[in-house]
């Protein structure tokens, strides 16, 4: 089963917008012409990957990006069609929760009657477009509601400016026969401890996706990891796959200890090269070698330790953020 909810959502969005272009462009629709624009839109809209980051207004930013793409792809034969595609994104931003609209159906009527966008067979198109939009809205609501749970929630513990450590809290009632200590020990160790990471990573992914939908790219998160998973290659790969997309790789870091890193260096270095982010917690095995820390955006260290004093003196040598715990 695929637990990578961001990939699932993005692929659905991509498919539905290509369907939208097919409805609107009719006989002029070419997937290979529309796809680059949909992908550029997704990169800017959901991954915050843009050449115009200083431009705070999203509508202005996405328009600049799409016009740049027109300049790359245009020729004498396709220029008018490309301009038509770009104009349609002026409506997609409403369908995609970027801009607010008071009446969905009036928006569709306006789109079909828009003189700038050339649409043939308008009445048939309007009927298909309304059916498309109703299904689209219903599917998005179903997707988001499927991730709601009363049994678990994430607590956000602030570690650093705009960085929060996510802790999974369970709301499952436990029989009075079991002590609180026994429950917590069972819940946080062994196979149960590993398995709850899947819930943590899925909910973390949903949190990041929800932020992106709101165009909030200001919050970063860190999640825990079980060192026992390094010995379980397939299970570890399944867990990491939950975060295997540009959005969650950018906004979610995995917390590991220095001992874990030394014992699994080749594996972790490979994952870093693949785009995963790690927060390194220094422990008694750390020897004071600063060069070993350069791969990690976050270094967690006890405030009253010698390592914290040393790193505070040498922080100019590191791009890493030093976080006292």
C-alpha atoms as a PDB file:
ATOM      1  CA  UNK A   1       0.000   0.000   0.000  1.00  0.00           C
ATOM      2  CA  UNK A   2       1.220   3.494  -0.868  1.00  0.00           C
ATOM      3  CA  UNK A   3       1.256   5.771   2.195  1.00  0.00           C
ATOM      4  CA  UNK A   4       2.852   8.708   0.378  1.00  0.00           C
ATOM      5  CA  UNK A   5      -0.176  10.953   0.622  1.00  0.00           C
ATOM      6  CA  UNK A   6       1.512  14.000  -0.915  1.00  0.00           C
ATOM      7  CA  UNK A   7       2.363  12.046  -4.075  1.00  0.00           C
ATOM      8  CA  UNK A   8      -1.183  10.665  -4.186  1.00  0.00           C
ATOM      9  CA  UNK A   9      -2.688  14.146  -3.878  1.00  0.00           C
ATOM     10  CA  UNK A  10      -0.328  15.797  -6.369  1.00  0.00           C
ATOM     11  CA  UNK A  11      -0.808  13.063  -8.975  1.00  0.00           C
ATOM     12  CA  UNK A  12      -4.565  13.426  -8.587  1.00  0.00           C
ATOM     13  CA  UNK A  13      -4.340  17.204  -8.996  1.00  0.00           C
ATOM     14  CA  UNK A  14      -2.212  16.761 -12.106  1.00  0.00           C
ATOM     15  CA  UNK A  15      -4.636  14.266 -13.642  1.00  0.00           C
ATOM     16  CA  UNK A  16      -7.680  16.447 -12.946  1.00  0.00           C
ATOM     17  CA  UNK A  17      -6.168  19.597 -14.448  1.00  0.00           C
ATOM     18  CA  UNK A  18      -5.211  17.716 -17.587  1.00  0.00           C
ATOM     19  CA  UNK A  19      -8.846  16.546 -17.733  1.00  0.00           C
ATOM     20  CA  UNK A  20      -9.900  20.178 -17.367  1.00  0.00           C
ATOM     21  CA  UNK A  21      -7.751  21.252 -20.312  1.00  0.00           C
ATOM     22  CA  UNK A  22      -9.142  18.389 -22.369  1.00  0.00           C
ATOM     23  CA  UNK A  23     -12.689  19.580 -21.676  1.00  0.00           C
ATOM     24  CA  UNK A  24     -11.932  23.224 -22.450  1.00  0.00           C
ATOM     25  CA  UNK A  25      -9.578  22.901 -25.404  1.00  0.00           C
ATOM     26  CA  UNK A  26     -11.545  20.100 -27.093  1.00  0.00           C
ATOM     27  CA  UNK A  27      -9.953  19.195 -30.435  1.00  0.00           C
ATOM     28  CA  UNK A  28      -6.943  21.450 -29.795  1.00  0.00           C
ATOM     29  CA  UNK A  29      -5.986  19.553 -26.631  1.00  0.00           C
ATOM     30  CA  UNK A  30      -2.492  18.049 -26.661  1.00  0.00           C
ATOM     31  CA  UNK A  31      -1.231  16.492 -23.438  1.00  0.00           C
ATOM     32  CA  UNK A  32       2.396  17.181 -24.307  1.00  0.00           C
ATOM     33  CA  UNK A  33       1.552  20.875 -24.696  1.00  0.00           C
ATOM     34  CA  UNK A  34      -0.434  21.217 -21.454  1.00  0.00           C
ATOM     35  CA  UNK A  35       1.651  19.000 -19.164  1.00  0.00           C
ATOM     36  CA  UNK A  36       4.686  21.352 -18.819  1.00  0.00           C
ATOM     37  CA  UNK A  37       2.376  24.140 -17.657  1.00  0.00           C
ATOM     38  CA  UNK A  38       0.567  21.931 -15.146  1.00  0.00           C
ATOM     39  CA  UNK A  39       3.900  20.684 -13.788  1.00  0.00           C
ATOM     40  CA  UNK A  40       5.332  24.209 -13.539  1.00  0.00           C
ATOM     41  CA  UNK A  41       2.177  25.313 -11.738  1.00  0.00           C
ATOM     42  CA  UNK A  42       2.448  22.393  -9.275  1.00  0.00           C
ATOM     43  CA  UNK A  43       6.129  23.127  -8.600  1.00  0.00           C
ATOM     44  CA  UNK A  44       5.325  26.724  -7.708  1.00  0.00           C
ATOM     45  CA  UNK A  45       1.960  26.114  -6.018  1.00  0.00           C
ATOM     46  CA  UNK A  46       2.788  23.080  -3.884  1.00  0.00           C
ATOM     47  CA  UNK A  47       6.580  22.859  -3.672  1.00  0.00           C
ATOM     48  CA  UNK A  48       7.307  26.606  -3.504  1.00  0.00           C
ATOM     49  CA  UNK A  49       9.971  26.152  -6.177  1.00  0.00           C
ATOM     50  CA  UNK A  50      10.138  29.402  -8.090  1.00  0.00           C
ATOM     51  CA  UNK A  51      12.505  31.822  -9.767  1.00  0.00           C
ATOM     52  CA  UNK A  52      10.497  34.694  -8.277  1.00  0.00           C
ATOM     53  CA  UNK A  53      10.582  34.050  -4.539  1.00  0.00           C
ATOM     54  CA  UNK A  54      10.821  37.785  -3.650  1.00  0.00           C
ATOM     55  CA  UNK A  55       7.409  38.267  -5.281  1.00  0.00           C
ATOM     56  CA  UNK A  56       5.005  37.693  -2.387  1.00  0.00           C
ATOM     57  CA  UNK A  57       1.794  37.781  -4.401  1.00  0.00           C
ATOM     58  CA  UNK A  58       1.265  34.217  -5.604  1.00  0.00           C
ATOM     59  CA  UNK A  59      -0.898  35.138  -8.608  1.00  0.00           C
ATOM     60  CA  UNK A  60       1.782  37.490  -9.898  1.00  0.00           C
ATOM     61  CA  UNK A  61       4.474  34.878  -9.239  1.00  0.00           C
ATOM     62  CA  UNK A  62       2.711  32.016 -11.036  1.00  0.00           C
ATOM     63  CA  UNK A  63       1.909  34.273 -13.991  1.00  0.00           C
ATOM     64  CA  UNK A  64       5.608  35.172 -14.331  1.00  0.00           C
ATOM     65  CA  UNK A  65       6.559  31.494 -14.241  1.00  0.00           C
ATOM     66  CA  UNK A  66       4.001  30.495 -16.883  1.00  0.00           C
ATOM     67  CA  UNK A  67       4.919  33.377 -19.187  1.00  0.00           C
ATOM     68  CA  UNK A  68       8.568  32.325 -18.914  1.00  0.00           C
ATOM     69  CA  UNK A  69       7.525  28.842 -20.010  1.00  0.00           C
ATOM     70  CA  UNK A  70       5.652  30.268 -22.983  1.00  0.00           C
ATOM     71  CA  UNK A  71       8.813  32.099 -24.035  1.00  0.00           C
ATOM     72  CA  UNK A  72      10.705  28.797 -23.965  1.00  0.00           C
ATOM     73  CA  UNK A  73       8.114  26.654 -25.767  1.00  0.00           C
ATOM     74  CA  UNK A  74       6.460  29.058 -28.192  1.00  0.00           C
ATOM     75  CA  UNK A  75       6.777  28.969 -31.977  1.00  0.00           C
ATOM     76  CA  UNK A  76       4.758  30.443 -34.831  1.00  0.00           C
ATOM     77  CA  UNK A  77       2.329  27.511 -34.812  1.00  0.00           C
ATOM     78  CA  UNK A  78       1.531  27.147 -31.109  1.00  0.00           C
ATOM     79  CA  UNK A  79       1.790  30.644 -29.610  1.00  0.00           C
ATOM     80  CA  UNK A  80      -1.972  31.324 -29.552  1.00  0.00           C
ATOM     81  CA  UNK A  81      -2.673  27.913 -27.971  1.00  0.00           C
ATOM     82  CA  UNK A  82      -0.033  28.480 -25.291  1.00  0.00           C
ATOM     83  CA  UNK A  83      -1.511  31.883 -24.459  1.00  0.00           C
ATOM     84  CA  UNK A  84      -4.905  30.203 -24.127  1.00  0.00           C
ATOM     85  CA  UNK A  85      -3.450  27.648 -21.711  1.00  0.00           C
ATOM     86  CA  UNK A  86      -1.870  30.352 -19.560  1.00  0.00           C
ATOM     87  CA  UNK A  87      -5.133  32.326 -19.471  1.00  0.00           C
ATOM     88  CA  UNK A  88      -6.958  29.262 -18.096  1.00  0.00           C
ATOM     89  CA  UNK A  89      -4.744  29.251 -15.013  1.00  0.00           C
ATOM     90  CA  UNK A  90      -6.494  32.485 -14.054  1.00  0.00           C
ATOM     91  CA  UNK A  91      -9.443  30.216 -13.237  1.00  0.00           C
ATOM     92  CA  UNK A  92      -7.509  27.203 -11.969  1.00  0.00           C
ATOM     93  CA  UNK A  93      -6.278  29.264  -9.009  1.00  0.00           C
ATOM     94  CA  UNK A  94      -9.920  29.483  -7.878  1.00  0.00           C
ATOM     95  CA  UNK A  95     -10.519  25.751  -8.318  1.00  0.00           C
ATOM     96  CA  UNK A  96      -7.303  25.069  -6.402  1.00  0.00           C
ATOM     97  CA  UNK A  97      -8.122  27.108  -3.265  1.00  0.00           C
ATOM     98  CA  UNK A  98      -5.589  29.846  -4.019  1.00  0.00           C
ATOM     99  CA  UNK A  99      -8.168  32.577  -4.546  1.00  0.00           C
ATOM    100  CA  UNK A 100     -11.607  32.688  -2.926  1.00  0.00           C
ATOM    101  CA  UNK A 101     -14.826  32.501  -4.892  1.00  0.00           C
ATOM    102  CA  UNK A 102     -18.312  33.125  -3.527  1.00  0.00           C
ATOM    103  CA  UNK A 103     -20.234  31.169  -6.152  1.00  0.00           C
ATOM    104  CA  UNK A 104     -18.595  28.174  -7.849  1.00  0.00           C
ATOM    105  CA  UNK A 105     -21.115  27.824 -10.649  1.00  0.00           C
ATOM    106  CA  UNK A 106     -20.982  31.525 -11.521  1.00  0.00           C
ATOM    107  CA  UNK A 107     -17.217  31.168 -11.858  1.00  0.00           C
ATOM    108  CA  UNK A 108     -17.709  28.351 -14.375  1.00  0.00           C
ATOM    109  CA  UNK A 109     -20.229  30.459 -16.304  1.00  0.00           C
ATOM    110  CA  UNK A 110     -17.707  33.317 -16.410  1.00  0.00           C
ATOM    111  CA  UNK A 111     -14.967  30.964 -17.609  1.00  0.00           C
ATOM    112  CA  UNK A 112     -17.040  29.602 -20.476  1.00  0.00           C
ATOM    113  CA  UNK A 113     -18.140  33.084 -21.561  1.00  0.00           C
ATOM    114  CA  UNK A 114     -14.649  34.615 -21.245  1.00  0.00           C
ATOM    115  CA  UNK A 115     -13.831  36.358 -24.551  1.00  0.00           C
ATOM    116  CA  UNK A 116     -10.086  35.982 -24.019  1.00  0.00           C
ATOM    117  CA  UNK A 117     -10.282  32.199 -23.800  1.00  0.00           C
ATOM    118  CA  UNK A 118     -11.489  30.600 -26.999  1.00  0.00           C
ATOM    119  CA  UNK A 119     -13.911  27.770 -26.221  1.00  0.00           C
ATOM    120  CA  UNK A 120     -15.986  25.931 -28.818  1.00  0.00           C
ATOM    121  CA  UNK A 121     -19.438  24.393 -28.195  1.00  0.00           C
ATOM    122  CA  UNK A 122     -19.898  26.427 -25.015  1.00  0.00           C
ATOM    123  CA  UNK A 123     -23.105  24.829 -23.696  1.00  0.00           C
ATOM    124  CA  UNK A 124     -21.754  21.297 -23.895  1.00  0.00           C
ATOM    125  CA  UNK A 125     -18.488  22.482 -22.406  1.00  0.00           C
ATOM    126  CA  UNK A 126     -20.295  24.194 -19.523  1.00  0.00           C
ATOM    127  CA  UNK A 127     -22.183  21.007 -18.634  1.00  0.00           C
ATOM    128  CA  UNK A 128     -19.015  18.879 -18.691  1.00  0.00           C
ATOM    129  CA  UNK A 129     -17.094  21.486 -16.730  1.00  0.00           C
ATOM    130  CA  UNK A 130     -19.686  21.613 -13.950  1.00  0.00           C
ATOM    131  CA  UNK A 131     -19.685  17.825 -13.686  1.00  0.00           C
ATOM    132  CA  UNK A 132     -15.873  17.861 -13.570  1.00  0.00           C
ATOM    133  CA  UNK A 133     -15.843  20.471 -10.825  1.00  0.00           C
ATOM    134  CA  UNK A 134     -18.422  18.704  -8.643  1.00  0.00           C
ATOM    135  CA  UNK A 135     -16.413  15.466  -8.807  1.00  0.00           C
ATOM    136  CA  UNK A 136     -13.158  17.324  -8.196  1.00  0.00           C
ATOM    137  CA  UNK A 137     -14.462  19.101  -5.106  1.00  0.00           C
ATOM    138  CA  UNK A 138     -16.052  15.923  -3.740  1.00  0.00           C
ATOM    139  CA  UNK A 139     -12.869  13.883  -4.215  1.00  0.00           C
ATOM    140  CA  UNK A 140     -10.720  16.516  -2.478  1.00  0.00           C
ATOM    141  CA  UNK A 141     -13.078  16.610   0.495  1.00  0.00           C
ATOM    142  CA  UNK A 142     -13.073  12.801   0.654  1.00  0.00           C
ATOM    143  CA  UNK A 143      -9.263  12.737   0.563  1.00  0.00           C
ATOM    144  CA  UNK A 144      -8.893  15.205   3.434  1.00  0.00           C
ATOM    145  CA  UNK A 145     -11.593  13.589   5.578  1.00  0.00           C
ATOM    146  CA  UNK A 146      -9.974  10.153   5.152  1.00  0.00           C
ATOM    147  CA  UNK A 147      -6.896  11.439   7.002  1.00  0.00           C
ATOM    148  CA  UNK A 148      -8.815  12.720  10.011  1.00  0.00           C
ATOM    149  CA  UNK A 149      -8.574  10.529  13.087  1.00  0.00           C
ATOM    150  CA  UNK A 150      -9.810  10.834  16.668  1.00  0.00           C
ATOM    151  CA  UNK A 151      -7.345   8.202  17.873  1.00  0.00           C
ATOM    152  CA  UNK A 152      -4.132  10.124  17.165  1.00  0.00           C
ATOM    153  CA  UNK A 153      -2.919  13.689  16.925  1.00  0.00           C
ATOM    154  CA  UNK A 154       0.429  15.437  16.630  1.00  0.00           C
ATOM    155  CA  UNK A 155       1.838  17.666  19.338  1.00  0.00           C
ATOM    156  CA  UNK A 156       4.189  20.396  18.097  1.00  0.00           C
ATOM    157  CA  UNK A 157       7.148  21.082  20.372  1.00  0.00           C
ATOM    158  CA  UNK A 158       9.082  24.171  19.241  1.00  0.00           C
ATOM    159  CA  UNK A 159      12.775  23.375  18.810  1.00  0.00           C
ATOM    160  CA  UNK A 160      13.976  26.440  16.952  1.00  0.00           C
ATOM    161  CA  UNK A 161      12.617  29.370  14.987  1.00  0.00           C
ATOM    162  CA  UNK A 162       9.981  27.913  12.644  1.00  0.00           C
ATOM    163  CA  UNK A 163      11.079  24.338  13.521  1.00  0.00           C
ATOM    164  CA  UNK A 164       8.793  22.001  15.472  1.00  0.00           C
ATOM    165  CA  UNK A 165       9.360  18.494  16.787  1.00  0.00           C
ATOM    166  CA  UNK A 166       6.300  16.336  16.157  1.00  0.00           C
ATOM    167  CA  UNK A 167       5.221  13.899  18.858  1.00  0.00           C
ATOM    168  CA  UNK A 168       2.416  11.422  18.240  1.00  0.00           C
ATOM    169  CA  UNK A 169      -0.201  11.459  20.975  1.00  0.00           C
ATOM    170  CA  UNK A 170      -2.673   8.600  21.220  1.00  0.00           C
ATOM    171  CA  UNK A 171      -6.231   9.003  22.456  1.00  0.00           C
ATOM    172  CA  UNK A 172      -6.945   5.284  22.733  1.00  0.00           C
ATOM    173  CA  UNK A 173      -8.458   4.277  26.062  1.00  0.00           C
ATOM    174  CA  UNK A 174      -6.381   1.691  27.902  1.00  0.00           C
ATOM    175  CA  UNK A 175      -7.732  -0.726  30.484  1.00  0.00           C
ATOM    176  CA  UNK A 176      -7.028   0.179  34.110  1.00  0.00           C
ATOM    177  CA  UNK A 177      -5.354  -3.201  34.451  1.00  0.00           C
ATOM    178  CA  UNK A 178      -2.243  -1.745  32.857  1.00  0.00           C
ATOM    179  CA  UNK A 179      -0.068   0.838  34.517  1.00  0.00           C
ATOM    180  CA  UNK A 180       0.675   4.095  32.734  1.00  0.00           C
ATOM    181  CA  UNK A 181       4.368   3.187  32.733  1.00  0.00           C
ATOM    182  CA  UNK A 182       3.716  -0.189  31.092  1.00  0.00           C
ATOM    183  CA  UNK A 183       1.497   1.365  28.445  1.00  0.00           C
ATOM    184  CA  UNK A 184       4.063   4.068  27.580  1.00  0.00           C
ATOM    185  CA  UNK A 185       6.889   1.521  27.460  1.00  0.00           C
ATOM    186  CA  UNK A 186       4.967  -0.744  25.112  1.00  0.00           C
ATOM    187  CA  UNK A 187       3.763   2.184  23.003  1.00  0.00           C
ATOM    188  CA  UNK A 188       7.212   3.690  22.486  1.00  0.00           C
ATOM    189  CA  UNK A 189       9.387   0.606  22.057  1.00  0.00           C
ATOM    190  CA  UNK A 190       9.741  -2.492  19.928  1.00  0.00           C
ATOM    191  CA  UNK A 191       7.505  -3.182  16.957  1.00  0.00           C
ATOM    192  CA  UNK A 192       4.763  -0.871  18.232  1.00  0.00           C
ATOM    193  CA  UNK A 193       7.282   1.947  18.482  1.00  0.00           C
ATOM    194  CA  UNK A 194       8.312   1.332  14.874  1.00  0.00           C
ATOM    195  CA  UNK A 195       4.770   1.003  13.604  1.00  0.00           C
ATOM    196  CA  UNK A 196       3.573   4.241  15.190  1.00  0.00           C
ATOM    197  CA  UNK A 197       6.215   6.033  13.106  1.00  0.00           C
ATOM    198  CA  UNK A 198       4.109   5.276  10.039  1.00  0.00           C
ATOM    199  CA  UNK A 199       1.217   7.160  11.641  1.00  0.00           C
ATOM    200  CA  UNK A 200       3.548  10.003  12.652  1.00  0.00           C
ATOM    201  CA  UNK A 201       5.018  10.328   9.148  1.00  0.00           C
ATOM    202  CA  UNK A 202       1.610  10.171   7.451  1.00  0.00           C
ATOM    203  CA  UNK A 203       0.165  12.843   9.754  1.00  0.00           C
ATOM    204  CA  UNK A 204       3.319  14.943   9.333  1.00  0.00           C
ATOM    205  CA  UNK A 205       2.957  14.686   5.550  1.00  0.00           C
ATOM    206  CA  UNK A 206      -0.662  15.749   5.825  1.00  0.00           C
ATOM    207  CA  UNK A 207       0.350  18.703   7.997  1.00  0.00           C
ATOM    208  CA  UNK A 208       2.918  19.852   5.435  1.00  0.00           C
ATOM    209  CA  UNK A 209       0.462  19.356   2.569  1.00  0.00           C
ATOM    210  CA  UNK A 210      -2.195  21.342   4.421  1.00  0.00           C
ATOM    211  CA  UNK A 211       0.321  24.155   4.935  1.00  0.00           C
ATOM    212  CA  UNK A 212       1.182  24.119   1.230  1.00  0.00           C
ATOM    213  CA  UNK A 213      -2.486  24.270   0.247  1.00  0.00           C
ATOM    214  CA  UNK A 214      -2.713  27.394   2.416  1.00  0.00           C
ATOM    215  CA  UNK A 215       0.480  28.726   0.773  1.00  0.00           C
ATOM    216  CA  UNK A 216       2.225  28.627   4.145  1.00  0.00           C
ATOM    217  CA  UNK A 217       5.848  27.575   3.608  1.00  0.00           C
ATOM    218  CA  UNK A 218       7.141  29.022   6.879  1.00  0.00           C
ATOM    219  CA  UNK A 219       6.978  25.991   9.188  1.00  0.00           C
ATOM    220  CA  UNK A 220       9.470  23.112   9.319  1.00  0.00           C
ATOM    221  CA  UNK A 221       9.145  19.868  11.250  1.00  0.00           C
ATOM    222  CA  UNK A 222      11.255  17.104  12.752  1.00  0.00           C
ATOM    223  CA  UNK A 223      10.119  13.533  13.388  1.00  0.00           C
ATOM    224  CA  UNK A 224      11.655  10.709  15.385  1.00  0.00           C
ATOM    225  CA  UNK A 225      13.173   7.493  14.064  1.00  0.00           C
ATOM    226  CA  UNK A 226      13.749   4.026  15.518  1.00  0.00           C
ATOM    227  CA  UNK A 227      17.351   2.812  15.224  1.00  0.00           C
ATOM    228  CA  UNK A 228      16.078  -0.784  15.022  1.00  0.00           C
ATOM    229  CA  UNK A 229      14.700   0.016  11.563  1.00  0.00           C
ATOM    230  CA  UNK A 230      18.214   0.190  10.121  1.00  0.00           C
ATOM    231  CA  UNK A 231      18.273  -3.602  10.539  1.00  0.00           C
ATOM    232  CA  UNK A 232      14.949  -3.992   8.688  1.00  0.00           C
ATOM    233  CA  UNK A 233      15.665  -2.837   5.162  1.00  0.00           C
ATOM    234  CA  UNK A 234      12.209  -3.322   3.626  1.00  0.00           C
ATOM    235  CA  UNK A 235      10.291  -1.845   6.545  1.00  0.00           C
ATOM    236  CA  UNK A 236      12.684   1.107   6.695  1.00  0.00           C
ATOM    237  CA  UNK A 237      12.241   1.713   2.962  1.00  0.00           C
ATOM    238  CA  UNK A 238       8.439   1.634   3.331  1.00  0.00           C
ATOM    239  CA  UNK A 239       8.581   4.179   6.135  1.00  0.00           C
ATOM    240  CA  UNK A 240      10.926   6.548   4.326  1.00  0.00           C
ATOM    241  CA  UNK A 241       8.810   6.301   1.199  1.00  0.00           C
ATOM    242  CA  UNK A 242       6.052   8.145   3.093  1.00  0.00           C
ATOM    243  CA  UNK A 243       8.307  11.222   2.910  1.00  0.00           C
ATOM    244  CA  UNK A 244       9.650  10.572  -0.580  1.00  0.00           C
ATOM    245  CA  UNK A 245       8.539  13.690  -2.443  1.00  0.00           C
ATOM    246  CA  UNK A 246       9.962  17.210  -2.861  1.00  0.00           C
ATOM    247  CA  UNK A 247       7.534  18.825  -0.422  1.00  0.00           C
ATOM    248  CA  UNK A 248       8.039  16.611   2.628  1.00  0.00           C
ATOM    249  CA  UNK A 249      11.755  16.193   1.996  1.00  0.00           C
ATOM    250  CA  UNK A 250      12.061  19.960   2.156  1.00  0.00           C
ATOM    251  CA  UNK A 251       9.950  20.522   5.260  1.00  0.00           C
ATOM    252  CA  UNK A 252      10.388  17.352   7.360  1.00  0.00           C
ATOM    253  CA  UNK A 253      13.681  16.248   8.939  1.00  0.00           C
ATOM    254  CA  UNK A 254      14.325  12.881  10.572  1.00  0.00           C
ATOM    255  CA  UNK A 255      15.907  12.908  14.028  1.00  0.00           C
ATOM    256  CA  UNK A 256      18.728  10.419  14.561  1.00  0.00           C
ATOM    257  CA  UNK A 257      21.532  10.083  17.104  1.00  0.00           C
ATOM    258  CA  UNK A 258      25.226  10.407  16.370  1.00  0.00           C
ATOM    259  CA  UNK A 259      25.616   6.704  17.273  1.00  0.00           C
ATOM    260  CA  UNK A 260      22.989   5.799  14.675  1.00  0.00           C
ATOM    261  CA  UNK A 261      24.882   7.849  12.105  1.00  0.00           C
ATOM    262  CA  UNK A 262      28.248   6.227  12.822  1.00  0.00           C
ATOM    263  CA  UNK A 263      26.714   2.740  12.743  1.00  0.00           C
ATOM    264  CA  UNK A 264      24.821   3.397   9.490  1.00  0.00           C
ATOM    265  CA  UNK A 265      26.913   6.100   7.824  1.00  0.00           C
ATOM    266  CA  UNK A 266      26.841   4.783   4.250  1.00  0.00           C
ATOM    267  CA  UNK A 267      23.088   4.262   4.344  1.00  0.00           C
ATOM    268  CA  UNK A 268      22.344   7.699   5.821  1.00  0.00           C
ATOM    269  CA  UNK A 269      24.768   9.476   3.457  1.00  0.00           C
ATOM    270  CA  UNK A 270      22.966   7.803   0.558  1.00  0.00           C
ATOM    271  CA  UNK A 271      19.598   8.997   1.857  1.00  0.00           C
ATOM    272  CA  UNK A 272      20.944  12.544   2.235  1.00  0.00           C
ATOM    273  CA  UNK A 273      22.100  12.416  -1.401  1.00  0.00           C
ATOM    274  CA  UNK A 274      18.551  11.374  -2.303  1.00  0.00           C
ATOM    275  CA  UNK A 275      17.212  14.538  -0.692  1.00  0.00           C
ATOM    276  CA  UNK A 276      16.181  13.355   2.766  1.00  0.00           C
ATOM    277  CA  UNK A 277      16.946  15.720   5.639  1.00  0.00           C
ATOM    278  CA  UNK A 278      18.257  14.618   9.047  1.00  0.00           C
ATOM    279  CA  UNK A 279      18.608  16.289  12.413  1.00  0.00           C
ATOM    280  CA  UNK A 280      21.639  14.898  14.253  1.00  0.00           C
ATOM    281  CA  UNK A 281      21.463  14.521  18.033  1.00  0.00           C
ATOM    282  CA  UNK A 282      24.946  14.377  19.545  1.00  0.00           C
ATOM    283  CA  UNK A 283      25.524  11.698  22.191  1.00  0.00           C
ATOM    284  CA  UNK A 284      28.426  10.191  24.134  1.00  0.00           C
ATOM    285  CA  UNK A 285      29.935   8.708  20.959  1.00  0.00           C
ATOM    286  CA  UNK A 286      30.609  12.103  19.407  1.00  0.00           C
ATOM    287  CA  UNK A 287      34.364  12.749  19.197  1.00  0.00           C
ATOM    288  CA  UNK A 288      34.302  16.472  18.456  1.00  0.00           C
ATOM    289  CA  UNK A 289      34.985  16.248  14.703  1.00  0.00           C
ATOM    290  CA  UNK A 290      33.146  19.253  13.255  1.00  0.00           C
ATOM    291  CA  UNK A 291      33.540  18.139   9.631  1.00  0.00           C
ATOM    292  CA  UNK A 292      31.218  15.192  10.289  1.00  0.00           C
ATOM    293  CA  UNK A 293      28.351  17.594  10.943  1.00  0.00           C
ATOM    294  CA  UNK A 294      28.278  19.533   7.656  1.00  0.00           C
ATOM    295  CA  UNK A 295      25.666  17.274   6.033  1.00  0.00           C
ATOM    296  CA  UNK A 296      23.069  18.024   8.696  1.00  0.00           C
ATOM    297  CA  UNK A 297      20.876  21.151   8.685  1.00  0.00           C
ATOM    298  CA  UNK A 298      20.166  20.729  12.405  1.00  0.00           C
ATOM    299  CA  UNK A 299      22.504  19.683  15.219  1.00  0.00           C
ATOM    300  CA  UNK A 300      20.821  18.889  18.536  1.00  0.00           C
ATOM    301  CA  UNK A 301      23.056  19.066  21.584  1.00  0.00           C
ATOM    302  CA  UNK A 302      22.577  19.265  25.353  1.00  0.00           C
ATOM    303  CA  UNK A 303      22.937  22.820  26.597  1.00  0.00           C
ATOM    304  CA  UNK A 304      25.145  21.930  29.590  1.00  0.00           C
ATOM    305  CA  UNK A 305      27.563  19.789  27.562  1.00  0.00           C
ATOM    306  CA  UNK A 306      31.100  20.499  26.403  1.00  0.00           C
ATOM    307  CA  UNK A 307      29.939  19.893  22.842  1.00  0.00           C
ATOM    308  CA  UNK A 308      27.465  22.777  23.041  1.00  0.00           C
ATOM    309  CA  UNK A 309      30.185  25.149  24.258  1.00  0.00           C
ATOM    310  CA  UNK A 310      32.535  23.982  21.514  1.00  0.00           C
ATOM    311  CA  UNK A 311      29.949  24.238  18.726  1.00  0.00           C
ATOM    312  CA  UNK A 312      28.856  27.669  19.922  1.00  0.00           C
ATOM    313  CA  UNK A 313      32.450  28.817  19.420  1.00  0.00           C
ATOM    314  CA  UNK A 314      32.744  27.166  15.997  1.00  0.00           C
ATOM    315  CA  UNK A 315      29.244  27.782  14.632  1.00  0.00           C
ATOM    316  CA  UNK A 316      30.725  30.107  11.984  1.00  0.00           C
ATOM    317  CA  UNK A 317      32.268  26.969  10.435  1.00  0.00           C
ATOM    318  CA  UNK A 318      28.872  25.293  10.066  1.00  0.00           C
ATOM    319  CA  UNK A 319      25.767  26.123   8.101  1.00  0.00           C
ATOM    320  CA  UNK A 320      23.879  23.865  10.490  1.00  0.00           C
ATOM    321  CA  UNK A 321      21.536  25.307  13.074  1.00  0.00           C
ATOM    322  CA  UNK A 322      22.717  24.436  16.591  1.00  0.00           C
ATOM    323  CA  UNK A 323      19.722  23.491  18.738  1.00  0.00           C
ATOM    324  CA  UNK A 324      20.077  23.111  22.480  1.00  0.00           C
ATOM    325  CA  UNK A 325      17.997  20.370  24.116  1.00  0.00           C
END
